[in-house]
């Protein structure tokens, strides 16, 4: 783990589990970090399956909205990707 100059870890250096814990605690930056990390992967997979860019965008939005509402990810089971 790399620490910022003040001793705190920056948001981009947090593990998925740490980001998810922040999201679970109500920190709004958590979903933004997860989207930055995995949004393109979700979109590309959706595009490959659905073969429609608009539907892939809608699916990507739904996945992250559901993740933000549900917060049921178990970091003990592995990384998000």
N, C-alpha and C. Protein backbone atom coordinates (compact mmCIF):
# COMPACT_ATOMS: atom_id res chain seq x y z
N UNK A 1 0.83 -1.18 0.00
CA UNK A 1 0.00 0.00 0.00
C UNK A 1 0.87 1.24 0.00
N UNK A 2 0.54 2.15 -0.88
CA UNK A 2 1.27 3.40 -0.96
C UNK A 2 0.49 4.46 -0.21
N UNK A 3 1.16 5.19 0.63
CA UNK A 3 0.50 6.22 1.42
C UNK A 3 0.78 7.59 0.84
N UNK A 4 -0.19 8.47 0.96
CA UNK A 4 0.00 9.87 0.55
C UNK A 4 0.99 10.51 1.50
N UNK A 5 1.45 11.70 1.17
CA UNK A 5 2.46 12.37 1.98
C UNK A 5 1.98 12.64 3.41
N UNK A 6 0.69 12.74 3.61
CA UNK A 6 0.19 12.98 4.96
C UNK A 6 -0.07 11.67 5.72
N UNK A 7 0.28 10.53 5.10
CA UNK A 7 0.11 9.24 5.74
C UNK A 7 -1.19 8.55 5.39
N UNK A 8 -2.09 9.23 4.71
CA UNK A 8 -3.37 8.63 4.32
C UNK A 8 -3.25 8.06 2.92
N UNK A 9 -3.93 6.97 2.69
CA UNK A 9 -3.93 6.36 1.38
C UNK A 9 -4.87 7.15 0.46
N UNK A 10 -4.45 7.39 -0.78
CA UNK A 10 -5.33 8.10 -1.70
C UNK A 10 -6.42 7.15 -2.18
N UNK A 11 -7.52 7.72 -2.64
CA UNK A 11 -8.67 6.92 -3.04
C UNK A 11 -8.32 5.97 -4.18
N UNK A 12 -7.51 6.41 -5.12
CA UNK A 12 -7.19 5.56 -6.26
C UNK A 12 -6.28 4.39 -5.89
N UNK A 13 -5.65 4.44 -4.75
CA UNK A 13 -4.76 3.37 -4.31
C UNK A 13 -5.46 2.36 -3.41
N UNK A 14 -6.70 2.62 -3.08
CA UNK A 14 -7.43 1.70 -2.21
C UNK A 14 -7.77 0.43 -2.98
N UNK A 15 -7.81 -0.68 -2.26
CA UNK A 15 -8.23 -1.94 -2.87
C UNK A 15 -9.73 -1.90 -3.11
N UNK A 16 -10.22 -2.83 -3.92
CA UNK A 16 -11.67 -2.91 -4.15
C UNK A 16 -12.42 -3.10 -2.84
N UNK A 17 -11.88 -3.93 -1.96
CA UNK A 17 -12.54 -4.18 -0.68
C UNK A 17 -12.62 -2.90 0.15
N UNK A 18 -11.55 -2.11 0.16
CA UNK A 18 -11.56 -0.85 0.90
C UNK A 18 -12.54 0.16 0.31
N UNK A 19 -12.58 0.21 -1.01
CA UNK A 19 -13.52 1.12 -1.67
C UNK A 19 -14.94 0.68 -1.39
N UNK A 20 -15.18 -0.61 -1.45
CA UNK A 20 -16.52 -1.11 -1.19
C UNK A 20 -16.94 -0.84 0.25
N UNK A 21 -16.03 -0.97 1.19
CA UNK A 21 -16.35 -0.66 2.58
C UNK A 21 -16.71 0.82 2.72
N UNK A 22 -16.01 1.68 2.01
CA UNK A 22 -16.35 3.12 2.04
C UNK A 22 -17.73 3.35 1.45
N UNK A 23 -18.03 2.65 0.35
CA UNK A 23 -19.36 2.76 -0.26
C UNK A 23 -20.43 2.30 0.71
N UNK A 24 -20.18 1.20 1.35
CA UNK A 24 -21.12 0.65 2.34
C UNK A 24 -21.33 1.62 3.50
N UNK A 25 -20.30 2.40 3.83
CA UNK A 25 -20.38 3.37 4.93
C UNK A 25 -21.01 4.69 4.48
N UNK A 26 -21.43 4.75 3.21
CA UNK A 26 -22.11 5.94 2.73
C UNK A 26 -21.21 6.96 2.04
N UNK A 27 -19.97 6.61 1.80
CA UNK A 27 -19.04 7.52 1.11
C UNK A 27 -19.34 7.49 -0.39
N UNK A 28 -19.79 8.61 -0.94
CA UNK A 28 -20.23 8.65 -2.33
C UNK A 28 -19.09 8.46 -3.32
N UNK A 29 -17.86 8.72 -2.93
CA UNK A 29 -16.75 8.56 -3.86
C UNK A 29 -16.53 7.10 -4.24
N UNK A 30 -17.02 6.18 -3.44
CA UNK A 30 -16.81 4.75 -3.69
C UNK A 30 -17.35 4.29 -5.02
N UNK A 31 -18.56 4.70 -5.34
CA UNK A 31 -19.15 4.26 -6.61
C UNK A 31 -18.42 4.88 -7.80
N UNK A 32 -17.92 6.09 -7.64
CA UNK A 32 -17.17 6.74 -8.72
C UNK A 32 -15.87 5.99 -8.99
N UNK A 33 -15.18 5.58 -7.95
CA UNK A 33 -13.93 4.83 -8.13
C UNK A 33 -14.22 3.50 -8.81
N UNK A 34 -15.25 2.80 -8.35
CA UNK A 34 -15.58 1.51 -8.95
C UNK A 34 -15.99 1.68 -10.41
N UNK A 35 -16.72 2.74 -10.71
CA UNK A 35 -17.10 2.99 -12.10
C UNK A 35 -15.86 3.28 -12.95
N UNK A 36 -14.95 4.09 -12.42
CA UNK A 36 -13.72 4.39 -13.16
C UNK A 36 -12.91 3.12 -13.42
N UNK A 37 -12.90 2.22 -12.46
CA UNK A 37 -12.12 0.99 -12.60
C UNK A 37 -12.80 -0.03 -13.52
N UNK A 38 -14.11 -0.15 -13.43
CA UNK A 38 -14.79 -1.27 -14.08
C UNK A 38 -15.87 -0.89 -15.07
N UNK A 39 -16.15 0.39 -15.23
CA UNK A 39 -17.21 0.81 -16.14
C UNK A 39 -16.98 0.36 -17.57
N UNK A 40 -15.76 0.51 -18.06
CA UNK A 40 -15.47 0.12 -19.43
C UNK A 40 -15.57 -1.39 -19.61
N UNK A 41 -15.13 -2.16 -18.62
CA UNK A 41 -15.22 -3.62 -18.69
C UNK A 41 -16.69 -4.05 -18.77
N UNK A 42 -17.52 -3.45 -17.93
CA UNK A 42 -18.95 -3.79 -17.92
C UNK A 42 -19.57 -3.41 -19.26
N UNK A 43 -19.24 -2.21 -19.75
CA UNK A 43 -19.80 -1.75 -21.03
C UNK A 43 -19.39 -2.68 -22.17
N UNK A 44 -18.11 -3.00 -22.25
CA UNK A 44 -17.64 -3.84 -23.35
C UNK A 44 -18.25 -5.24 -23.30
N UNK A 45 -18.39 -5.79 -22.13
CA UNK A 45 -19.02 -7.10 -22.00
C UNK A 45 -20.49 -7.01 -22.43
N UNK A 46 -21.18 -5.96 -21.98
CA UNK A 46 -22.57 -5.76 -22.38
C UNK A 46 -22.70 -5.58 -23.88
N UNK A 47 -21.78 -4.84 -24.48
CA UNK A 47 -21.81 -4.62 -25.93
C UNK A 47 -21.57 -5.93 -26.68
N UNK A 48 -20.66 -6.72 -26.17
CA UNK A 48 -20.38 -8.01 -26.81
C UNK A 48 -21.60 -8.91 -26.77
N UNK A 49 -22.30 -8.92 -25.66
CA UNK A 49 -23.47 -9.78 -25.50
C UNK A 49 -24.69 -9.21 -26.23
N UNK A 50 -24.95 -7.92 -26.02
CA UNK A 50 -26.18 -7.31 -26.54
C UNK A 50 -26.06 -6.82 -27.98
N UNK A 51 -24.84 -6.51 -28.42
CA UNK A 51 -24.58 -6.01 -29.77
C UNK A 51 -25.36 -4.74 -30.09
N UNK A 52 -25.56 -3.93 -29.07
CA UNK A 52 -26.27 -2.66 -29.24
C UNK A 52 -25.67 -1.66 -28.26
N UNK A 53 -25.03 -0.60 -28.77
CA UNK A 53 -24.35 0.35 -27.88
C UNK A 53 -25.27 1.01 -26.85
N UNK A 54 -26.47 1.38 -27.24
CA UNK A 54 -27.39 2.03 -26.30
C UNK A 54 -27.80 1.07 -25.18
N UNK A 55 -28.09 -0.17 -25.55
CA UNK A 55 -28.45 -1.16 -24.53
C UNK A 55 -27.27 -1.46 -23.61
N UNK A 56 -26.06 -1.48 -24.16
CA UNK A 56 -24.87 -1.72 -23.34
C UNK A 56 -24.66 -0.56 -22.36
N UNK A 57 -24.91 0.68 -22.81
CA UNK A 57 -24.82 1.83 -21.90
C UNK A 57 -25.86 1.73 -20.79
N UNK A 58 -27.09 1.37 -21.17
CA UNK A 58 -28.16 1.22 -20.18
C UNK A 58 -27.82 0.14 -19.16
N UNK A 59 -27.30 -0.98 -19.66
CA UNK A 59 -26.92 -2.08 -18.78
C UNK A 59 -25.82 -1.64 -17.80
N UNK A 60 -24.82 -0.92 -18.31
CA UNK A 60 -23.73 -0.45 -17.47
C UNK A 60 -24.27 0.45 -16.36
N UNK A 61 -25.16 1.35 -16.73
CA UNK A 61 -25.76 2.24 -15.73
C UNK A 61 -26.54 1.43 -14.69
N UNK A 62 -27.31 0.46 -15.13
CA UNK A 62 -28.09 -0.36 -14.21
C UNK A 62 -27.20 -1.16 -13.25
N UNK A 63 -26.11 -1.70 -13.77
CA UNK A 63 -25.19 -2.48 -12.92
C UNK A 63 -24.65 -1.62 -11.79
N UNK A 64 -24.21 -0.41 -12.10
CA UNK A 64 -23.62 0.44 -11.07
C UNK A 64 -24.68 1.05 -10.15
N UNK A 65 -25.87 1.30 -10.66
CA UNK A 65 -26.95 1.77 -9.79
C UNK A 65 -27.34 0.67 -8.80
N UNK A 66 -27.42 -0.56 -9.29
CA UNK A 66 -27.75 -1.69 -8.42
C UNK A 66 -26.66 -1.91 -7.38
N UNK A 67 -25.42 -1.82 -7.79
CA UNK A 67 -24.30 -1.97 -6.85
C UNK A 67 -24.37 -0.90 -5.78
N UNK A 68 -24.69 0.32 -6.17
CA UNK A 68 -24.78 1.43 -5.22
C UNK A 68 -25.93 1.24 -4.23
N UNK A 69 -27.03 0.66 -4.69
CA UNK A 69 -28.19 0.44 -3.82
C UNK A 69 -28.06 -0.81 -2.96
N UNK A 70 -27.53 -1.87 -3.53
CA UNK A 70 -27.55 -3.17 -2.88
C UNK A 70 -26.42 -3.38 -1.89
N UNK A 71 -25.24 -2.94 -2.24
CA UNK A 71 -24.02 -3.15 -1.45
C UNK A 71 -23.95 -4.55 -0.83
N UNK A 72 -24.08 -5.56 -1.69
CA UNK A 72 -24.05 -6.94 -1.23
C UNK A 72 -22.80 -7.69 -1.67
N UNK A 73 -21.82 -6.98 -2.17
CA UNK A 73 -20.56 -7.60 -2.59
C UNK A 73 -19.80 -8.11 -1.38
N UNK A 74 -19.26 -9.32 -1.48
CA UNK A 74 -18.48 -9.92 -0.40
C UNK A 74 -17.01 -9.94 -0.84
N UNK A 75 -16.18 -9.00 -0.34
CA UNK A 75 -14.78 -8.93 -0.78
C UNK A 75 -13.98 -10.18 -0.43
N UNK A 76 -14.47 -11.02 0.46
CA UNK A 76 -13.75 -12.24 0.82
C UNK A 76 -13.79 -13.26 -0.33
N UNK A 77 -14.73 -13.05 -1.28
CA UNK A 77 -14.88 -13.98 -2.39
C UNK A 77 -14.00 -13.63 -3.57
N UNK A 78 -13.26 -12.53 -3.51
CA UNK A 78 -12.35 -12.15 -4.59
C UNK A 78 -12.58 -10.74 -5.04
N UNK A 79 -11.79 -10.33 -6.04
CA UNK A 79 -11.92 -8.96 -6.54
C UNK A 79 -13.18 -8.84 -7.38
N UNK A 80 -13.53 -7.59 -7.71
CA UNK A 80 -14.75 -7.36 -8.45
C UNK A 80 -14.61 -7.70 -9.92
N UNK A 81 -13.41 -7.85 -10.38
CA UNK A 81 -13.23 -8.13 -11.81
C UNK A 81 -12.37 -9.35 -12.01
